[in-house]
Every structure is written in C-alpha cells, then in structure tokens.
Amino acid sequence: MEFRAEMRYLRVSPQKARLVLELIKGRRVEEARNTLAFTKKRVAAHVGKLLQSALDNANFLSSEKGLDVELDNLYVKSAIANDGPRMKRIRPAPQGRAFRYQRRMAHIELVLAERGSNAARVASGGGGATGKAPVKRHATVAKKAATHAGKKTDKKKAAAK
C-alpha cells in the first residue's frame, strides 16, 4: 500500500528542493525525519511538513479504513520535485534598460510505502519488487562473443607471422 502527499506552488526552485529530497529517498520515516531536522536548507522544513502529512495519511487509512499498516515499517518510496509555474519579473538595469528574470516554483510529491510486505514477497521467491525473474544471457550471444574474440586474435597472429 502506498500513501501520498503533495505540496504545490512552493516558492523554491525545484533544483534546490531535489537536493533535500535526495537525502531522504529510500530511508525509513524516522531516519528521514531526523535527516530533515538537521538539514540546514530552508526547504527542509517544508519537506518535513510534507513527510508528516504523508504519515498522517497512512495513519488515517490504517485507523478509519481498517487497513493493517505498520507505521514503523514505512519508508520513502519516491520523492519528486517538479516545475511549477514561473513568475516573470523585471529588474532595472543601467541606462534605462530592463533585465528579465524568473522566480521558480516547485510541486513536491512524496510517496510512502510499507517495507514489510515487499520483503515477504522476496522471501517467497517472487523475484524482487517488480516480480520479474532475473534476465539471463542467451547462449548464442555468448557464442558470438567467443567467435568474434577468436577471429581477432587469428588475424593478429597472421599479421605477426
């Protein structure tokens, strides 16, 4: 089960938001909260509120809808910062000219998932998170690689003689 939270029209550039989101991707919720608490970026406080909102969504669904959710097993599955609309602004420049610049906004999306259910699938032989079996190389590909390697060495030997 996945639990989402979104924050839209946040007045920070998406590039700066991604720096903080990379710190918490794949971490448990408690680790992510601690990381955000000690990060010196301004956007970290907003991401912390968003993480709390996603956690509250999970808590609501577990209590109200009757889902069996372990809040301790939740981790940050994905954290994305997309572009929002840009505000075009003009700045005075020398000799009566004007320079244009853009104030960027970000839409941040956070997805939490439960790690315990995925671990059970891996233990039962499901083939990982995607459910696909590992890809094996064809024997013909290996044979072609061996024959090409042999041909190159034969030509080198003939040229040396």
Protein backbone atom coordinates (compact mmCIF):
# COMPACT_ATOMS: atom_id res chain seq x y z
CA MET A 1 0.00 0.00 0.00
CA GLU A 2 1.25 3.47 -0.86
CA PHE A 3 0.47 6.74 0.86
CA ARG A 4 0.91 10.06 -0.93
CA ALA A 5 1.16 13.71 -0.04
CA GLU A 6 1.66 16.71 -2.33
CA MET A 7 2.79 20.25 -1.79
CA ARG A 8 2.08 22.58 -4.71
CA TYR A 9 3.24 26.09 -5.62
CA LEU A 10 6.12 26.08 -3.15
CA ARG A 11 8.30 29.17 -3.61
CA VAL A 12 11.61 27.37 -4.05
CA SER A 13 13.34 26.24 -7.20
CA PRO A 14 12.90 22.54 -7.99
CA GLN A 15 16.68 22.12 -8.24
CA LYS A 16 17.12 23.22 -4.62
CA ALA A 17 14.24 21.02 -3.47
CA ARG A 18 15.76 17.98 -5.20
CA LEU A 19 18.95 18.39 -3.16
CA VAL A 20 16.97 17.78 0.04
CA LEU A 21 14.73 15.08 -1.44
CA GLU A 22 17.77 13.02 -2.50
CA LEU A 23 18.79 12.86 1.17
CA ILE A 24 15.60 11.06 2.23
CA LYS A 25 14.80 8.78 -0.72
CA GLY A 26 14.72 5.13 0.29
CA ARG A 27 15.08 5.83 4.02
CA ARG A 28 12.76 4.80 6.83
CA VAL A 29 10.38 7.52 8.01
CA GLU A 30 12.18 8.05 11.34
CA GLU A 31 15.57 8.34 9.63
CA ALA A 32 14.11 10.78 7.11
CA ARG A 33 12.62 12.94 9.88
CA ASN A 34 15.95 13.08 11.70
CA THR A 35 17.78 13.92 8.49
CA LEU A 36 15.37 16.75 7.71
CA ALA A 37 15.58 18.10 11.25
CA PHE A 38 19.34 18.59 10.96
CA THR A 39 19.50 19.76 7.33
CA LYS A 40 20.33 23.45 7.02
CA LYS A 41 18.39 24.06 3.81
CA ARG A 42 15.28 26.27 4.05
CA VAL A 43 13.17 23.81 2.05
CA ALA A 44 13.88 21.03 4.59
CA ALA A 45 11.21 22.43 6.93
CA HIS A 46 8.60 22.28 4.16
CA VAL A 47 9.62 18.74 3.20
CA GLY A 48 9.36 17.77 6.89
CA LYS A 49 5.76 19.01 6.98
CA LEU A 50 5.04 17.09 3.80
CA LEU A 51 6.52 13.91 5.29
CA GLN A 52 4.35 14.37 8.37
CA SER A 53 1.29 14.83 6.14
CA ALA A 54 2.02 11.58 4.29
CA LEU A 55 2.47 9.82 7.62
CA ASP A 56 -0.86 11.22 8.84
CA ASN A 57 -2.50 9.97 5.65
CA ALA A 58 -1.15 6.49 6.38
CA ASN A 59 -2.35 6.70 9.98
CA PHE A 60 -5.81 7.82 8.86
CA LEU A 61 -6.18 4.98 6.40
CA SER A 62 -5.00 2.43 8.94
CA SER A 63 -7.47 3.58 11.61
CA GLU A 64 -10.51 4.69 9.60
CA LYS A 65 -10.47 2.30 6.65
CA GLY A 66 -9.38 -0.73 8.66
CA LEU A 67 -6.12 -1.36 6.79
CA ASP A 68 -3.35 -3.18 8.60
CA VAL A 69 -0.43 -0.75 8.30
CA GLU A 70 2.75 -0.89 10.36
CA LEU A 71 3.80 2.76 10.71
CA ASP A 72 7.28 1.66 11.82
CA ASN A 73 7.86 -0.20 8.52
CA LEU A 74 7.10 2.79 6.28
CA TYR A 75 9.85 4.20 4.08
CA VAL A 76 10.11 6.97 1.50
CA LYS A 77 9.46 5.19 -1.79
CA SER A 78 9.75 8.24 -4.02
CA ALA A 79 10.23 11.97 -3.58
CA ILE A 80 9.86 14.14 -6.67
CA ALA A 81 10.17 17.89 -7.23
CA ASN A 82 8.61 19.07 -10.49
CA ASP A 83 8.48 22.52 -12.04
CA GLY A 84 5.58 24.75 -11.17
CA PRO A 85 4.60 27.94 -12.94
CA ARG A 86 7.26 30.63 -13.23
CA MET A 87 6.74 34.23 -12.28
CA LYS A 88 8.34 36.58 -14.78
CA ARG A 89 9.90 39.63 -13.17
CA ILE A 90 11.81 42.65 -14.46
CA ARG A 91 14.86 44.14 -12.80
CA PRO A 92 16.13 47.66 -13.52
CA ALA A 93 19.38 47.77 -15.48
CA PRO A 94 21.77 50.59 -16.36
CA GLN A 95 20.84 53.27 -18.88
CA GLY A 96 17.10 52.70 -18.69
CA ARG A 97 17.20 49.08 -19.76
CA ALA A 98 15.45 46.19 -18.03
CA PHE A 99 16.67 42.66 -17.33
CA ARG A 100 14.11 39.87 -17.13
CA TYR A 101 14.39 37.03 -14.64
CA GLN A 102 12.14 34.22 -13.48
CA ARG A 103 11.05 33.24 -9.99
CA ARG A 104 10.64 29.48 -9.96
CA MET A 105 8.12 27.36 -8.06
CA ALA A 106 8.05 23.65 -7.30
CA HIS A 107 5.44 20.95 -6.92
CA ILE A 108 6.73 18.31 -4.48
CA GLU A 109 5.27 14.81 -4.27
CA LEU A 110 6.16 12.30 -1.56
CA VAL A 111 5.16 8.61 -1.58
CA LEU A 112 5.49 6.31 1.43
CA ALA A 113 5.27 2.52 1.21
CA GLU A 114 5.47 -0.37 3.62
CA ARG A 115 8.71 -2.32 3.52
CA GLY A 116 7.49 -5.48 5.29
CA SER A 117 5.07 -6.58 2.56
CA ASN A 118 7.79 -6.34 -0.11
CA ALA A 119 10.25 -8.39 1.98
CA ALA A 120 7.73 -11.22 2.30
CA ARG A 121 7.36 -11.38 -1.48
CA VAL A 122 11.14 -11.58 -1.97
CA ALA A 123 11.45 -14.36 0.64
CA SER A 124 8.75 -16.41 -1.10
CA GLY A 125 10.69 -16.31 -4.38
CA GLY A 126 8.65 -13.65 -6.13
CA GLY A 127 11.72 -12.24 -7.86
CA GLY A 128 12.04 -8.88 -6.14
CA ALA A 129 9.93 -5.75 -6.16
CA THR A 130 8.99 -5.97 -9.83
CA GLY A 131 8.01 -9.65 -9.73
CA LYS A 132 10.13 -10.43 -12.79
CA ALA A 133 12.69 -13.19 -12.96
CA PRO A 134 16.33 -12.17 -13.49
CA VAL A 135 17.34 -11.88 -17.14
CA LYS A 136 19.81 -14.48 -18.41
CA ARG A 137 22.06 -14.07 -21.45
CA HIS A 138 21.32 -16.25 -24.42
CA ALA A 139 23.84 -18.95 -25.25
CA THR A 140 24.01 -17.63 -28.84
CA VAL A 141 25.15 -14.22 -27.61
CA ALA A 142 27.93 -15.84 -25.61
CA LYS A 143 28.97 -17.96 -28.64
CA LYS A 144 29.10 -14.90 -30.92
CA ALA A 145 31.25 -13.06 -28.43
CA ALA A 146 33.63 -16.03 -28.24
CA THR A 147 33.88 -16.41 -32.04
CA HIS A 148 34.49 -12.70 -32.60
CA ALA A 149 37.22 -12.70 -29.99
CA GLY A 150 38.83 -15.73 -31.65
CA LYS A 151 38.78 -14.15 -35.13
CA LYS A 152 40.52 -11.03 -33.94
CA THR A 153 43.35 -12.97 -32.37
CA ASP A 154 43.75 -15.13 -35.52
CA LYS A 155 44.17 -12.02 -37.68
CA LYS A 156 46.74 -10.59 -35.29
CA LYS A 157 48.70 -13.84 -35.33
CA ALA A 158 48.67 -13.96 -39.14
CA ALA A 159 49.86 -10.37 -39.37
CA ALA A 160 52.69 -11.05 -36.90
CA LYS A 161 53.99 -14.04 -38.98
